[in-house]
Amino acid sequence: MPINETFNLTLAELLRHAKKNCILLSVSDIAELAKLTPWYVRQLIASGEIRAINVGGTGRRTRWRIDPDDFQNWMVGRENRRRDLTAA
């Protein structure tokens, strides 16, 4: 069951709930919350932009889990980025 169907909460409330209950988020959960594809979330993990824990598997069968704090830190780092409008 998708994580946002389980709880009718805002993203901040959902992350607080996950942290309080020691819940690690899956790639699918992150993709759904951030409106990204699972493939792109895996790319972010591979590049080191999002910290993740391998809970089993190797290669294409790797099962990643993301701490809610790490996801929230990534989201905060992405918001309000300065844009260089003179670079064009």
N, C-alpha and C. Protein backbone atom coordinates (compact mmCIF):
# COMPACT_ATOMS: atom_id res chain seq x y z
N MET A 1 0.85 -1.17 0.00
CA MET A 1 0.00 0.00 0.00
C MET A 1 0.90 1.24 0.00
N PRO A 2 0.66 2.19 -0.91
CA PRO A 2 1.47 3.41 -0.93
C PRO A 2 1.39 4.16 0.38
N ILE A 3 2.51 4.76 0.72
CA ILE A 3 2.61 5.40 2.03
C ILE A 3 1.63 6.56 2.21
N ASN A 4 1.36 7.33 1.16
CA ASN A 4 0.47 8.47 1.35
C ASN A 4 -1.00 8.06 1.39
N GLU A 5 -1.33 6.82 1.02
CA GLU A 5 -2.70 6.33 1.20
C GLU A 5 -2.91 5.84 2.63
N THR A 6 -1.83 5.45 3.28
CA THR A 6 -1.90 4.97 4.65
C THR A 6 -2.24 6.10 5.60
N PHE A 7 -1.71 7.27 5.33
CA PHE A 7 -1.91 8.42 6.21
C PHE A 7 -2.42 9.59 5.39
N ASN A 8 -3.39 10.29 5.92
CA ASN A 8 -3.88 11.50 5.27
C ASN A 8 -3.21 12.69 5.93
N LEU A 9 -1.88 12.83 5.69
CA LEU A 9 -1.06 13.82 6.36
C LEU A 9 -0.28 14.64 5.34
N THR A 10 0.20 15.80 5.78
CA THR A 10 1.11 16.56 4.94
C THR A 10 2.46 15.85 4.92
N LEU A 11 3.33 16.26 4.02
CA LEU A 11 4.64 15.64 3.93
C LEU A 11 5.41 15.79 5.23
N ALA A 12 5.38 16.98 5.82
CA ALA A 12 6.10 17.21 7.08
C ALA A 12 5.55 16.32 8.19
N GLU A 13 4.22 16.19 8.28
CA GLU A 13 3.61 15.35 9.31
C GLU A 13 3.95 13.88 9.07
N LEU A 14 3.95 13.47 7.82
CA LEU A 14 4.29 12.09 7.49
C LEU A 14 5.72 11.77 7.88
N LEU A 15 6.65 12.69 7.60
CA LEU A 15 8.04 12.45 7.96
C LEU A 15 8.24 12.42 9.47
N ARG A 16 7.53 13.29 10.19
CA ARG A 16 7.61 13.24 11.66
C ARG A 16 7.08 11.91 12.18
N HIS A 17 5.98 11.43 11.61
CA HIS A 17 5.40 10.15 12.03
C HIS A 17 6.38 9.01 11.74
N ALA A 18 6.99 9.02 10.56
CA ALA A 18 7.93 7.97 10.19
C ALA A 18 9.13 7.96 11.14
N LYS A 19 9.64 9.16 11.46
CA LYS A 19 10.79 9.25 12.37
C LYS A 19 10.42 8.75 13.76
N LYS A 20 9.25 9.17 14.24
CA LYS A 20 8.80 8.79 15.58
C LYS A 20 8.66 7.27 15.70
N ASN A 21 8.19 6.63 14.65
CA ASN A 21 7.95 5.18 14.67
C ASN A 21 9.09 4.38 14.05
N CYS A 22 10.23 5.03 13.83
CA CYS A 22 11.42 4.36 13.28
C CYS A 22 11.12 3.64 11.97
N ILE A 23 10.42 4.32 11.08
CA ILE A 23 10.08 3.76 9.79
C ILE A 23 11.07 4.27 8.75
N LEU A 24 11.66 3.35 8.01
CA LEU A 24 12.51 3.73 6.88
C LEU A 24 11.66 3.71 5.62
N LEU A 25 11.89 4.67 4.74
CA LEU A 25 11.10 4.80 3.53
C LEU A 25 11.75 4.05 2.38
N SER A 26 10.93 3.45 1.53
CA SER A 26 11.45 2.72 0.38
C SER A 26 11.64 3.69 -0.79
N VAL A 27 12.27 3.20 -1.84
CA VAL A 27 12.45 4.00 -3.06
C VAL A 27 11.09 4.40 -3.61
N SER A 28 10.13 3.50 -3.59
CA SER A 28 8.78 3.80 -4.08
C SER A 28 8.12 4.89 -3.24
N ASP A 29 8.31 4.83 -1.93
CA ASP A 29 7.74 5.85 -1.05
C ASP A 29 8.31 7.22 -1.39
N ILE A 30 9.63 7.29 -1.53
CA ILE A 30 10.29 8.56 -1.85
C ILE A 30 9.83 9.07 -3.20
N ALA A 31 9.76 8.18 -4.18
CA ALA A 31 9.31 8.58 -5.51
C ALA A 31 7.91 9.16 -5.47
N GLU A 32 7.04 8.53 -4.72
CA GLU A 32 5.66 9.01 -4.61
C GLU A 32 5.58 10.35 -3.88
N LEU A 33 6.31 10.48 -2.79
CA LEU A 33 6.28 11.71 -2.00
C LEU A 33 6.87 12.89 -2.75
N ALA A 34 7.96 12.66 -3.47
CA ALA A 34 8.66 13.74 -4.17
C ALA A 34 8.19 13.91 -5.61
N LYS A 35 7.23 13.08 -6.03
CA LYS A 35 6.72 13.13 -7.41
C LYS A 35 7.85 12.89 -8.42
N LEU A 36 8.65 11.86 -8.14
CA LEU A 36 9.74 11.45 -9.01
C LEU A 36 9.51 10.02 -9.44
N THR A 37 10.29 9.54 -10.39
CA THR A 37 10.22 8.13 -10.76
C THR A 37 11.15 7.33 -9.85
N PRO A 38 10.84 6.06 -9.60
CA PRO A 38 11.76 5.23 -8.81
C PRO A 38 13.16 5.18 -9.43
N TRP A 39 13.23 5.16 -10.75
CA TRP A 39 14.53 5.15 -11.43
C TRP A 39 15.35 6.37 -11.03
N TYR A 40 14.73 7.55 -11.04
CA TYR A 40 15.45 8.78 -10.71
C TYR A 40 15.88 8.78 -9.23
N VAL A 41 15.05 8.25 -8.36
CA VAL A 41 15.42 8.16 -6.94
C VAL A 41 16.66 7.27 -6.80
N ARG A 42 16.69 6.16 -7.52
CA ARG A 42 17.87 5.29 -7.48
C ARG A 42 19.11 6.01 -8.01
N GLN A 43 18.93 6.86 -9.02
CA GLN A 43 20.05 7.64 -9.55
C GLN A 43 20.57 8.62 -8.50
N LEU A 44 19.65 9.23 -7.75
CA LEU A 44 20.04 10.15 -6.68
C LEU A 44 20.80 9.42 -5.58
N ILE A 45 20.38 8.19 -5.29
CA ILE A 45 21.09 7.37 -4.30
C ILE A 45 22.48 7.02 -4.82
N ALA A 46 22.56 6.59 -6.08
CA ALA A 46 23.84 6.19 -6.66
C ALA A 46 24.82 7.35 -6.71
N SER A 47 24.31 8.57 -6.94
CA SER A 47 25.20 9.73 -7.02
C SER A 47 25.55 10.28 -5.64
N GLY A 48 24.90 9.78 -4.60
CA GLY A 48 25.18 10.23 -3.25
C GLY A 48 24.38 11.44 -2.81
N GLU A 49 23.44 11.88 -3.64
CA GLU A 49 22.62 13.04 -3.26
C GLU A 49 21.64 12.71 -2.14
N ILE A 50 21.12 11.49 -2.16
CA ILE A 50 20.24 11.01 -1.09
C ILE A 50 20.94 9.83 -0.42
N ARG A 51 21.07 9.91 0.89
CA ARG A 51 21.67 8.80 1.64
C ARG A 51 20.65 7.67 1.76
N ALA A 52 21.11 6.45 1.61
CA ALA A 52 20.23 5.29 1.70
C ALA A 52 20.98 4.11 2.30
N ILE A 53 20.21 3.16 2.80
CA ILE A 53 20.76 1.95 3.42
C ILE A 53 20.33 0.76 2.57
N ASN A 54 21.29 -0.10 2.24
CA ASN A 54 20.98 -1.33 1.52
C ASN A 54 20.54 -2.37 2.54
N VAL A 55 19.28 -2.78 2.48
CA VAL A 55 18.77 -3.76 3.44
C VAL A 55 18.73 -5.17 2.86
N GLY A 56 19.30 -5.36 1.68
CA GLY A 56 19.35 -6.69 1.11
C GLY A 56 19.44 -6.65 -0.40
N GLY A 57 20.03 -7.66 -0.94
CA GLY A 57 20.14 -7.76 -2.38
C GLY A 57 21.41 -7.11 -2.90
N THR A 58 21.73 -7.45 -4.16
CA THR A 58 22.88 -6.87 -4.83
C THR A 58 22.48 -6.52 -6.25
N GLY A 59 23.25 -5.63 -6.84
CA GLY A 59 23.00 -5.26 -8.24
C GLY A 59 21.62 -4.66 -8.44
N ARG A 60 20.89 -5.22 -9.38
CA ARG A 60 19.55 -4.70 -9.70
C ARG A 60 18.51 -5.08 -8.65
N ARG A 61 18.84 -6.00 -7.77
CA ARG A 61 17.89 -6.42 -6.74
C ARG A 61 18.12 -5.75 -5.39
N THR A 62 18.95 -4.72 -5.39
CA THR A 62 19.24 -4.02 -4.15
C THR A 62 17.97 -3.37 -3.61
N ARG A 63 17.74 -3.54 -2.33
CA ARG A 63 16.57 -2.92 -1.68
C ARG A 63 17.07 -1.78 -0.81
N TRP A 64 16.79 -0.56 -1.25
CA TRP A 64 17.23 0.62 -0.54
C TRP A 64 16.15 1.11 0.41
N ARG A 65 16.59 1.62 1.57
CA ARG A 65 15.68 2.27 2.52
C ARG A 65 16.30 3.61 2.90
N ILE A 66 15.45 4.62 3.02
CA ILE A 66 15.90 5.98 3.27
C ILE A 66 15.33 6.46 4.60
N ASP A 67 16.20 7.01 5.43
CA ASP A 67 15.78 7.59 6.70
C ASP A 67 14.98 8.86 6.39
N PRO A 68 13.85 9.08 7.06
CA PRO A 68 13.06 10.29 6.82
C PRO A 68 13.86 11.59 6.99
N ASP A 69 14.80 11.61 7.94
CA ASP A 69 15.64 12.81 8.14
C ASP A 69 16.52 13.07 6.92
N ASP A 70 17.08 12.00 6.34
CA ASP A 70 17.93 12.16 5.16
C ASP A 70 17.11 12.68 3.97
N PHE A 71 15.89 12.17 3.82
CA PHE A 71 15.03 12.66 2.75
C PHE A 71 14.66 14.12 2.97
N GLN A 72 14.33 14.46 4.20
CA GLN A 72 13.96 15.84 4.51
C GLN A 72 15.15 16.78 4.28
N ASN A 73 16.35 16.36 4.65
CA ASN A 73 17.54 17.17 4.41
C ASN A 73 17.77 17.39 2.92
N TRP A 74 17.53 16.35 2.13
CA TRP A 74 17.67 16.48 0.68
C TRP A 74 16.64 17.47 0.13
N MET A 75 15.41 17.37 0.63
CA MET A 75 14.36 18.28 0.18
C MET A 75 14.70 19.73 0.55
N VAL A 76 15.18 19.95 1.76
CA VAL A 76 15.54 21.30 2.20
C VAL A 76 16.68 21.84 1.34
N GLY A 77 17.63 21.00 1.01
CA GLY A 77 18.74 21.42 0.17
C GLY A 77 18.31 21.79 -1.24
N ARG A 78 17.19 21.27 -1.68
CA ARG A 78 16.70 21.55 -3.03
C ARG A 78 15.81 22.78 -3.12
N GLU A 79 15.27 23.24 -2.01
CA GLU A 79 14.33 24.35 -2.08
C GLU A 79 15.03 25.69 -2.14
N ASN A 80 14.41 26.62 -2.80
CA ASN A 80 14.89 28.00 -2.89
C ASN A 80 16.33 28.12 -3.37
N ARG A 81 16.70 27.29 -4.32
CA ARG A 81 18.05 27.41 -4.88
C ARG A 81 18.13 28.69 -5.69
N ARG A 82 19.23 29.38 -5.54
CA ARG A 82 19.43 30.59 -6.33
C ARG A 82 19.65 30.24 -7.78
N ARG A 83 19.06 30.99 -8.65
CA ARG A 83 19.21 30.75 -10.07
C ARG A 83 20.06 31.86 -10.67
N ASP A 84 20.99 31.47 -11.48
CA ASP A 84 21.83 32.44 -12.15
C ASP A 84 21.17 32.79 -13.47
N LEU A 85 20.39 33.86 -13.47
CA LEU A 85 19.64 34.23 -14.65
C LEU A 85 20.50 34.94 -15.69
N THR A 86 21.69 35.36 -15.32
CA THR A 86 22.56 36.04 -16.27
C THR A 86 23.43 35.06 -17.05
N ALA A 87 23.39 33.77 -16.70
CA ALA A 87 24.24 32.78 -17.35
C ALA A 87 23.78 32.48 -18.77
N ALA A 88 22.55 32.75 -19.09
CA ALA A 88 22.01 32.41 -20.42
C ALA A 88 22.52 33.25 -21.50
